[in-house]
Amino acid sequence: MDAKVNYLLRQGDNALILSQRLSELCGKGPALEEDMALTNVALDLLGQTRMWYTYAGELEGQGRDEDRIAYHRDAHDFKNCLLVEQNNGNYADTMVRQFFFDTWHYFLIGALTKCSDQRIAEIAEKSLKEVTYHLRRSGDLVVRMGDGTEISHAKTQAAVNELWPYTGEFFNYDDVDRAMVDAGIAPAADELRAQWLAHVSDILAEATLTMPSPDAWMQKGGKQGRHTEHLGYLLAEMQFLQRAYPGAQW
């Protein structure tokens, strides 16, 4: 598969899988405002997914539209990072996962607005306002929970410790990522990682939380299609209608 198509699918897969995870919480938020905010973030990510998949389908030239890419691939065909497929858990788990992703997403999208591919730059430009809001919101909630009650602090610290090993995959570049760097599209891994670590460090310090070692052992494999068991269950629910009734329309 062409490196650019693969890269576009990765961006779409990250957004789609996290959107699906957040949509599972619709009607289950800890407060009405949070319930609405989670749903809005899920919809933002879904809109970004559509733009990434549409461009990937056009470049691929095999007649796949956004729906076929989303609903007619198996788990090993998805190239999202492992972090976004992790279960929602408690609300600290949900928001720490979101914060780690949002920080990476913000700096990535910001860099992509200046990339050599005009279409990618346009998608990034359209997404940047949403991504900026996502980061501000998740970072604020991590601070409020970490610097809140004894229970909220403990749960947020546990979420940080549990999810930290899934963050290194963002910066573990393979041949696809390196090809995009060489083409003037993707930012360099070291630059992106430095920005991510600096912002995460600032927020966790404000939240009175301990940041794990940046050199800790990290999970990997999602970008190559090797996933945790969670993704299979997520796709079984998300893809059921199209798999059971191919081409079904409302």
Protein backbone atom coordinates (compact mmCIF):
# COMPACT_ATOMS: atom_id res chain seq x y z
CA MET A 1 0.00 0.00 0.00
CA ASP A 2 1.21 3.50 -0.83
CA ALA A 3 2.83 5.15 2.20
CA LYS A 4 0.65 8.24 1.98
CA VAL A 5 -2.56 6.18 1.81
CA ASN A 6 -1.38 4.17 4.80
CA TYR A 7 -0.60 7.35 6.71
CA LEU A 8 -4.03 8.82 5.94
CA LEU A 9 -5.74 5.62 7.08
CA ARG A 10 -3.80 5.75 10.35
CA GLN A 11 -5.05 9.26 11.03
CA GLY A 12 -8.60 8.26 10.21
CA ASP A 13 -8.40 5.07 12.25
CA ASN A 14 -7.17 6.90 15.35
CA ALA A 15 -10.01 9.39 15.11
CA LEU A 16 -12.68 6.77 14.33
CA ILE A 17 -11.79 4.32 17.08
CA LEU A 18 -11.58 7.02 19.75
CA SER A 19 -14.84 8.50 18.48
CA GLN A 20 -16.50 5.09 18.85
CA ARG A 21 -15.12 4.69 22.36
CA LEU A 22 -16.48 8.08 23.41
CA SER A 23 -19.85 7.43 21.79
CA GLU A 24 -20.24 4.45 24.13
CA LEU A 25 -20.56 6.99 26.96
CA CYS A 26 -23.48 8.88 25.41
CA GLY A 27 -26.11 9.10 28.14
CA LYS A 28 -23.64 7.84 30.77
CA GLY A 29 -21.60 10.97 31.55
CA PRO A 30 -21.05 11.90 35.22
CA ALA A 31 -22.91 15.19 34.63
CA LEU A 32 -25.16 16.50 31.87
CA GLU A 33 -22.54 18.98 30.65
CA GLU A 34 -19.90 16.25 30.48
CA ASP A 35 -22.28 13.93 28.68
CA MET A 36 -22.82 16.55 25.98
CA ALA A 37 -19.11 17.41 25.80
CA LEU A 38 -18.08 13.79 25.29
CA THR A 39 -20.62 13.37 22.51
CA ASN A 40 -19.45 16.56 20.82
CA VAL A 41 -15.82 15.44 20.92
CA ALA A 42 -16.87 12.08 19.44
CA LEU A 43 -18.68 13.88 16.62
CA ASP A 44 -15.69 16.14 15.96
CA LEU A 45 -13.44 13.11 15.62
CA LEU A 46 -15.95 11.39 13.36
CA GLY A 47 -15.99 14.40 11.06
CA GLN A 48 -12.20 14.32 10.89
CA THR A 49 -12.34 10.59 10.15
CA ARG A 50 -14.51 11.23 7.11
CA MET A 51 -12.02 13.71 5.66
CA TRP A 52 -9.04 11.37 6.15
CA TYR A 53 -10.87 8.35 4.71
CA THR A 54 -12.25 10.25 1.74
CA TYR A 55 -8.78 11.44 0.71
CA ALA A 56 -7.29 7.98 1.30
CA GLY A 57 -9.98 6.39 -0.87
CA GLU A 58 -9.35 8.85 -3.68
CA LEU A 59 -5.60 8.24 -3.67
CA GLU A 60 -6.02 4.49 -3.38
CA GLY A 61 -8.23 4.37 -6.47
CA GLN A 62 -10.02 1.13 -5.59
CA GLY A 63 -13.51 2.60 -5.26
CA ARG A 64 -13.63 2.51 -1.46
CA ASP A 65 -15.54 5.36 0.14
CA GLU A 66 -15.50 6.37 3.80
CA ASP A 67 -18.21 3.86 4.74
CA ARG A 68 -16.51 0.89 3.11
CA ILE A 69 -13.20 1.78 4.74
CA ALA A 70 -14.82 2.07 8.16
CA TYR A 71 -17.21 -0.88 8.09
CA HIS A 72 -15.65 -3.50 5.82
CA ARG A 73 -12.18 -3.98 7.26
CA ASP A 74 -11.15 -6.51 9.90
CA ALA A 75 -9.21 -5.68 13.05
CA HIS A 76 -5.80 -6.43 11.53
CA ASP A 77 -6.50 -3.91 8.76
CA PHE A 78 -6.90 -1.04 11.23
CA LYS A 79 -3.74 0.94 11.94
CA ASN A 80 -4.75 3.01 14.97
CA CYS A 81 -2.49 3.34 17.98
CA LEU A 82 -3.30 0.99 20.83
CA LEU A 83 -4.13 3.80 23.25
CA VAL A 84 -7.39 4.80 21.57
CA GLU A 85 -8.87 1.29 21.65
CA GLN A 86 -8.47 0.87 25.40
CA ASN A 87 -11.71 0.55 27.36
CA ASN A 88 -13.33 3.63 28.89
CA GLY A 89 -12.90 2.38 32.45
CA ASN A 90 -13.77 4.98 35.08
CA TYR A 91 -13.90 8.67 34.26
CA ALA A 92 -10.27 9.22 35.19
CA ASP A 93 -9.29 6.49 32.72
CA THR A 94 -11.41 8.11 30.01
CA MET A 95 -10.01 11.60 30.51
CA VAL A 96 -6.36 10.61 30.92
CA ARG A 97 -6.62 8.58 27.71
CA GLN A 98 -8.19 11.60 26.06
CA PHE A 99 -5.56 14.00 27.39
CA PHE A 100 -2.65 11.86 26.23
CA PHE A 101 -4.21 11.56 22.77
CA ASP A 102 -5.28 15.21 22.56
CA THR A 103 -1.79 16.46 23.37
CA TRP A 104 -0.24 14.37 20.61
CA HIS A 105 -3.09 15.22 18.22
CA TYR A 106 -2.79 18.96 18.81
CA PHE A 107 0.91 19.14 18.00
CA LEU A 108 0.56 16.74 15.06
CA ILE A 109 -2.36 18.62 13.49
CA GLY A 110 -0.58 21.92 14.03
CA ALA A 111 2.44 20.61 12.13
CA LEU A 112 0.28 19.14 9.36
CA THR A 113 -1.25 22.56 8.63
CA LYS A 114 2.17 23.52 7.25
CA CYS A 115 2.91 20.29 5.35
CA SER A 116 3.74 19.93 1.65
CA ASP A 117 0.47 18.17 0.73
CA GLN A 118 -2.20 20.84 0.25
CA ARG A 119 -5.12 18.49 0.85
CA ILE A 120 -3.66 17.24 4.15
CA ALA A 121 -2.91 20.81 5.19
CA GLU A 122 -6.53 21.77 4.48
CA ILE A 123 -7.86 18.85 6.53
CA ALA A 124 -5.55 19.79 9.38
CA GLU A 125 -6.59 23.44 9.18
CA LYS A 126 -10.27 22.47 9.39
CA SER A 127 -9.54 20.22 12.38
CA LEU A 128 -7.26 22.53 14.36
CA LYS A 129 -9.94 24.56 16.15
CA GLU A 130 -11.67 21.40 17.33
CA VAL A 131 -8.42 19.75 18.39
CA THR A 132 -7.39 22.87 20.32
CA TYR A 133 -10.66 22.76 22.26
CA HIS A 134 -10.27 19.04 22.94
CA LEU A 135 -6.83 19.57 24.48
CA ARG A 136 -7.90 22.52 26.60
CA ARG A 137 -10.87 20.60 27.95
CA SER A 138 -9.12 17.30 28.72
CA GLY A 139 -6.13 19.03 30.29
CA ASP A 140 -8.42 21.09 32.52
CA LEU A 141 -10.28 18.00 33.69
CA VAL A 142 -7.06 16.12 34.45
CA VAL A 143 -5.97 19.05 36.62
CA ARG A 144 -9.33 19.20 38.40
CA MET A 145 -9.34 15.48 39.12
CA GLY A 146 -5.68 15.20 40.02
CA ASP A 147 -5.80 18.20 42.35
CA GLY A 148 -9.26 17.32 43.66
CA THR A 149 -10.22 14.89 46.36
CA GLU A 150 -8.03 12.11 47.70
CA ILE A 151 -10.10 9.58 45.75
CA SER A 152 -10.05 11.50 42.46
CA HIS A 153 -6.30 12.04 42.79
CA ALA A 154 -5.68 8.32 43.39
CA LYS A 155 -7.85 7.27 40.45
CA THR A 156 -6.23 9.78 38.11
CA GLN A 157 -2.72 8.74 39.12
CA ALA A 158 -3.67 5.10 38.58
CA ALA A 159 -4.97 5.98 35.10
CA VAL A 160 -1.74 7.81 34.25
CA ASN A 161 0.33 4.83 35.33
CA GLU A 162 -1.87 2.32 33.48
CA LEU A 163 -2.07 4.21 30.17
CA TRP A 164 1.46 5.59 30.04
CA PRO A 165 2.95 2.51 28.29
CA TYR A 166 0.59 3.10 25.35
CA THR A 167 1.87 6.62 24.64
CA GLY A 168 5.26 5.73 23.17
CA GLU A 169 3.68 4.32 20.02
CA PHE A 170 2.87 7.86 18.86
CA PHE A 171 6.57 8.49 18.38
CA ASN A 172 7.73 5.02 17.35
CA TYR A 173 8.16 5.81 13.65
CA ASP A 174 8.27 3.07 11.03
CA ASP A 175 8.89 3.18 7.27
CA VAL A 176 5.51 4.82 6.60
CA ASP A 177 6.12 7.61 9.10
CA ARG A 178 9.67 8.17 7.89
CA ALA A 179 8.49 8.36 4.28
CA MET A 180 6.04 11.08 5.30
CA VAL A 181 8.80 12.98 7.11
CA ASP A 182 11.01 12.76 4.01
CA ALA A 183 8.11 14.02 1.88
CA GLY A 184 7.69 17.09 4.06
CA ILE A 185 4.34 15.93 5.44
CA ALA A 186 4.78 14.47 8.94
CA PRO A 187 6.77 16.21 11.69
CA ALA A 188 9.91 14.51 12.98
CA ALA A 189 9.36 12.08 15.84
CA ASP A 190 11.86 13.72 18.21
CA GLU A 191 10.30 17.15 17.73
CA LEU A 192 6.77 15.86 18.30
CA ARG A 193 7.80 13.83 21.35
CA ALA A 194 9.57 16.81 22.93
CA GLN A 195 6.45 18.97 22.53
CA TRP A 196 4.23 16.20 23.90
CA LEU A 197 6.41 15.55 26.93
CA ALA A 198 6.73 19.24 27.79
CA HIS A 199 2.97 19.84 27.77
CA VAL A 200 2.11 16.60 29.57
CA SER A 201 4.73 17.35 32.20
CA ASP A 202 3.28 20.83 32.83
CA ILE A 203 -0.31 19.59 33.16
CA LEU A 204 0.56 16.63 35.40
CA ALA A 205 2.61 18.90 37.66
CA GLU A 206 -0.31 21.32 37.95
CA ALA A 207 -2.55 18.34 38.72
CA THR A 208 -0.15 17.24 41.51
CA LEU A 209 0.37 13.96 39.67
CA THR A 210 3.63 12.05 39.19
CA MET A 211 4.70 11.62 35.58
CA PRO A 212 6.15 8.16 34.81
CA SER A 213 9.56 7.93 33.22
CA PRO A 214 9.68 8.94 29.53
CA ASP A 215 12.10 6.05 29.07
CA ALA A 216 9.71 3.43 30.45
CA TRP A 217 8.91 0.34 28.36
CA MET A 218 6.23 1.06 25.77
CA GLN A 219 3.62 -0.99 23.94
CA LYS A 220 3.60 -1.02 20.14
CA GLY A 221 2.07 -2.79 17.16
CA GLY A 222 -1.19 -0.97 16.52
CA LYS A 223 0.18 0.94 13.53
CA GLN A 224 1.12 -2.39 11.98
CA GLY A 225 -2.29 -3.98 12.65
CA ARG A 226 -1.41 -5.88 15.85
CA HIS A 227 -4.07 -4.93 18.37
CA THR A 228 -5.36 -5.70 21.84
CA GLU A 229 -8.47 -7.83 22.26
CA HIS A 230 -10.49 -4.65 22.88
CA LEU A 231 -10.54 -3.64 19.23
CA GLY A 232 -12.28 -6.79 18.07
CA TYR A 233 -15.19 -6.24 20.46
CA LEU A 234 -15.42 -2.57 19.47
CA LEU A 235 -15.56 -3.39 15.76
CA ALA A 236 -18.11 -6.17 16.29
CA GLU A 237 -20.50 -3.60 17.68
CA MET A 238 -19.62 -0.76 15.32
CA GLN A 239 -19.72 -2.81 12.12
CA PHE A 240 -22.63 -5.13 12.88
CA LEU A 241 -25.29 -3.45 10.72
CA GLN A 242 -23.15 -3.18 7.58
CA ARG A 243 -21.80 -6.70 8.00
CA ALA A 244 -25.25 -8.19 8.58
CA TYR A 245 -26.99 -6.13 5.88
CA PRO A 246 -24.37 -5.05 3.31
CA GLY A 247 -25.28 -1.80 1.60
CA ALA A 248 -28.24 -1.16 3.93
CA GLN A 249 -29.56 2.39 3.86
CA TRP A 250 -32.02 4.27 6.04
